[in-house]
């Protein structure tokens, strides 16, 4: 039996300029065992509308995990019915303890599913991998910098690409500045 190749996937999400009701973004990086980058991905979490109450950091984290697993499936790393790929041991890492705990659990949580359709999507994607071929691990933020930087890049990319988002963010910061001035004026 040959040793399995290792694949490391780090993901991170953010919701800026406010959480909740900001712009949910994702970032993920895929590396092989010699730390060579196979892929970097980032963008908007498209299953959640920006500035909606559902736009939270948890939604962004789920969105990032989902995008990373979708990439793995699209690139034939899954062990689903169409593909019997057991050459890889995949370690998916993130810095959000809540999301990692839910992704690691083999017990399907109906309560979590009611709370988040994104949970259902993530669990469905996880099921495309053999249990012994994919693992989920929580890491400290400083061990997840590259994915964090990609999520930030997604936010700045979205502001450059979508003028409506840029206007909403400017309005948000103008309101925050006004509130700060009012608070200091009253003191």
Protein backbone atom coordinates (compact mmCIF):
# COMPACT_ATOMS: atom_id res chain seq x y z
CA UNK A 1 0.00 0.00 0.00
CA UNK A 2 1.39 3.39 -0.99
CA UNK A 3 1.31 6.36 1.35
CA UNK A 4 -1.39 8.89 0.69
CA UNK A 5 -0.41 12.32 -0.58
CA UNK A 6 -1.29 15.13 1.78
CA UNK A 7 -3.29 18.19 0.82
CA UNK A 8 -3.72 21.15 3.16
CA UNK A 9 -6.65 23.52 2.75
CA UNK A 10 -6.84 26.66 4.87
CA UNK A 11 -9.95 28.83 4.72
CA UNK A 12 -11.20 32.01 6.33
CA UNK A 13 -14.18 34.31 6.07
CA UNK A 14 -14.91 37.86 7.11
CA UNK A 15 -17.86 40.19 7.26
CA UNK A 16 -16.92 43.87 6.89
CA UNK A 17 -17.42 46.72 7.66
CA UNK A 18 -19.94 45.44 10.22
CA UNK A 19 -20.87 42.09 11.69
CA UNK A 20 -23.69 41.32 11.21
CA UNK A 21 -25.00 43.10 8.12
CA UNK A 22 -21.73 43.64 6.29
CA UNK A 23 -20.17 42.17 3.16
CA UNK A 24 -19.42 38.44 3.63
CA UNK A 25 -16.21 37.37 1.89
CA UNK A 26 -14.20 34.17 1.67
CA UNK A 27 -10.63 33.14 1.06
CA UNK A 28 -8.94 29.75 0.86
CA UNK A 29 -5.60 28.31 -0.13
CA UNK A 30 -4.74 24.74 -1.13
CA UNK A 31 -1.20 23.43 -0.68
CA UNK A 32 0.49 20.08 -1.12
CA UNK A 33 2.72 18.43 1.48
CA UNK A 34 5.78 20.36 0.29
CA UNK A 35 3.85 23.64 0.85
CA UNK A 36 3.53 24.37 -2.87
CA UNK A 37 0.35 26.30 -3.57
CA UNK A 38 -2.09 24.43 -5.82
CA UNK A 39 -4.82 27.05 -5.72
CA UNK A 40 -5.88 30.31 -4.12
CA UNK A 41 -9.51 31.37 -4.16
CA UNK A 42 -11.38 34.40 -2.87
CA UNK A 43 -14.60 36.30 -3.48
CA UNK A 44 -18.01 37.20 -2.16
CA UNK A 45 -20.11 34.61 -0.37
CA UNK A 46 -22.88 34.58 -2.95
CA UNK A 47 -25.43 32.66 -0.89
CA UNK A 48 -25.85 35.63 1.47
CA UNK A 49 -26.87 39.11 0.37
CA UNK A 50 -24.46 41.87 1.50
CA UNK A 51 -25.79 44.13 4.27
CA UNK A 52 -28.58 41.68 5.13
CA UNK A 53 -29.04 40.34 8.67
CA UNK A 54 -27.84 36.94 7.39
CA UNK A 55 -24.49 38.47 6.38
CA UNK A 56 -22.41 37.42 9.40
CA UNK A 57 -18.88 36.28 10.06
CA UNK A 58 -20.21 32.73 10.62
CA UNK A 59 -21.93 32.83 7.21
CA UNK A 60 -18.64 34.01 5.70
CA UNK A 61 -16.76 31.18 7.42
CA UNK A 62 -19.26 28.59 6.18
CA UNK A 63 -19.11 30.17 2.71
CA UNK A 64 -15.35 29.88 2.69
CA UNK A 65 -15.40 26.22 3.78
CA UNK A 66 -18.05 25.52 1.13
CA UNK A 67 -16.03 27.20 -1.64
CA UNK A 68 -12.91 25.25 -0.62
CA UNK A 69 -14.76 21.92 -0.63
CA UNK A 70 -16.46 22.76 -3.94
CA UNK A 71 -13.02 23.39 -5.42
CA UNK A 72 -11.82 20.02 -4.09
CA UNK A 73 -14.84 18.25 -5.61
CA UNK A 74 -14.49 20.07 -8.96
CA UNK A 75 -10.82 19.11 -9.08
CA UNK A 76 -11.44 15.40 -8.42
CA UNK A 77 -10.24 15.15 -4.83
CA UNK A 78 -13.57 13.77 -3.60
CA UNK A 79 -14.45 10.10 -3.16
CA UNK A 80 -18.00 10.42 -4.41
CA UNK A 81 -19.83 8.02 -6.74
CA UNK A 82 -18.21 9.43 -9.87
CA UNK A 83 -14.68 9.29 -8.56
CA UNK A 84 -12.85 6.79 -6.42
CA UNK A 85 -9.94 9.01 -5.46
CA UNK A 86 -8.32 7.61 -2.34
CA UNK A 87 -4.81 8.90 -3.13
CA UNK A 88 -5.15 11.97 -0.90
CA UNK A 89 -5.43 12.71 2.77
CA UNK A 90 -6.99 16.17 3.01
CA UNK A 91 -6.67 18.38 6.06
CA UNK A 92 -9.09 21.34 6.05
CA UNK A 93 -8.14 24.02 8.56
CA UNK A 94 -9.93 27.12 9.79
CA UNK A 95 -9.72 29.50 12.74
CA UNK A 96 -13.43 29.65 13.67
CA UNK A 97 -13.97 27.15 16.49
CA UNK A 98 -17.74 26.98 16.04
CA UNK A 99 -17.61 26.16 12.33
CA UNK A 100 -14.76 23.69 12.76
CA UNK A 101 -16.62 21.90 15.56
CA UNK A 102 -19.68 21.52 13.32
CA UNK A 103 -17.64 20.35 10.32
CA UNK A 104 -15.73 17.82 12.43
CA UNK A 105 -18.86 16.32 13.97
CA UNK A 106 -20.16 13.16 12.37
CA UNK A 107 -23.51 13.67 14.11
CA UNK A 108 -25.87 15.55 11.82
CA UNK A 109 -27.50 18.37 13.75
CA UNK A 110 -31.11 19.06 12.73
CA UNK A 111 -31.05 22.18 14.93
CA UNK A 112 -27.99 23.55 13.10
CA UNK A 113 -29.61 22.70 9.77
CA UNK A 114 -32.70 24.72 10.69
CA UNK A 115 -30.51 27.64 11.67
CA UNK A 116 -28.32 27.62 8.60
CA UNK A 117 -28.92 26.28 5.11
CA UNK A 118 -25.16 26.77 4.71
CA UNK A 119 -24.64 24.04 7.32
CA UNK A 120 -26.63 21.64 5.12
CA UNK A 121 -24.53 22.55 2.08
CA UNK A 122 -21.26 22.10 3.99
CA UNK A 123 -22.34 18.71 5.37
CA UNK A 124 -23.50 17.59 1.90
CA UNK A 125 -20.10 18.53 0.45
CA UNK A 126 -18.28 16.82 3.32
CA UNK A 127 -20.22 13.63 2.52
CA UNK A 128 -18.59 13.49 -0.92
CA UNK A 129 -15.33 12.52 0.78
CA UNK A 130 -14.56 9.21 2.44
CA UNK A 131 -14.45 9.76 6.23
CA UNK A 132 -10.80 8.73 6.40
CA UNK A 133 -9.77 10.97 3.47
CA UNK A 134 -10.77 14.35 4.94
CA UNK A 135 -10.22 15.82 8.38
CA UNK A 136 -11.10 19.19 9.85
CA UNK A 137 -8.82 21.00 12.26
CA UNK A 138 -9.07 24.26 14.16
CA UNK A 139 -5.94 26.43 13.97
CA UNK A 140 -4.98 29.69 15.63
CA UNK A 141 -5.43 32.87 13.61
CA UNK A 142 -1.71 33.38 13.15
CA UNK A 143 -1.54 29.92 11.54
CA UNK A 144 -4.24 30.94 9.08
CA UNK A 145 -2.78 34.22 7.82
CA UNK A 146 -2.73 33.38 4.14
CA UNK A 147 -6.43 32.50 4.02
CA UNK A 148 -7.20 35.58 6.15
CA UNK A 149 -5.32 37.79 3.68
CA UNK A 150 -7.27 36.27 0.79
CA UNK A 151 -10.59 37.02 2.55
CA UNK A 152 -9.43 40.63 3.02
CA UNK A 153 -8.39 40.77 -0.63
CA UNK A 154 -11.91 39.60 -1.53
CA UNK A 155 -13.37 42.50 0.45
CA UNK A 156 -11.18 45.11 -1.28
CA UNK A 157 -11.78 43.47 -4.66
CA UNK A 158 -15.56 43.67 -4.07
CA UNK A 159 -15.30 47.36 -3.17
CA UNK A 160 -13.34 48.05 -6.38
CA UNK A 161 -15.65 45.96 -8.57
CA UNK A 162 -19.06 46.96 -7.18
CA UNK A 163 -19.66 50.72 -6.80
CA UNK A 164 -22.93 50.07 -4.91
CA UNK A 165 -21.05 48.21 -2.18
CA UNK A 166 -18.43 50.95 -2.04
CA UNK A 167 -21.15 53.61 -1.59
CA UNK A 168 -22.81 51.60 1.20
CA UNK A 169 -19.48 51.20 3.02
CA UNK A 170 -18.74 54.93 2.72
CA UNK A 171 -22.20 55.68 4.11
CA UNK A 172 -21.57 53.24 6.97
CA UNK A 173 -18.28 54.92 7.90
CA UNK A 174 -19.79 58.40 7.59
CA UNK A 175 -22.56 57.34 9.98
CA UNK A 176 -20.03 55.85 12.40
CA UNK A 177 -17.98 59.06 12.32
CA UNK A 178 -21.11 61.14 12.95
CA UNK A 179 -22.07 58.92 15.91
CA UNK A 180 -18.58 59.22 17.37
CA UNK A 181 -18.75 63.00 17.10
CA UNK A 182 -22.18 63.07 18.77
CA UNK A 183 -20.95 60.91 21.65
CA UNK A 184 -17.95 63.17 22.25
CA UNK A 185 -20.06 66.31 21.96
CA UNK A 186 -22.35 65.10 24.77
CA UNK A 187 -19.44 64.46 27.17
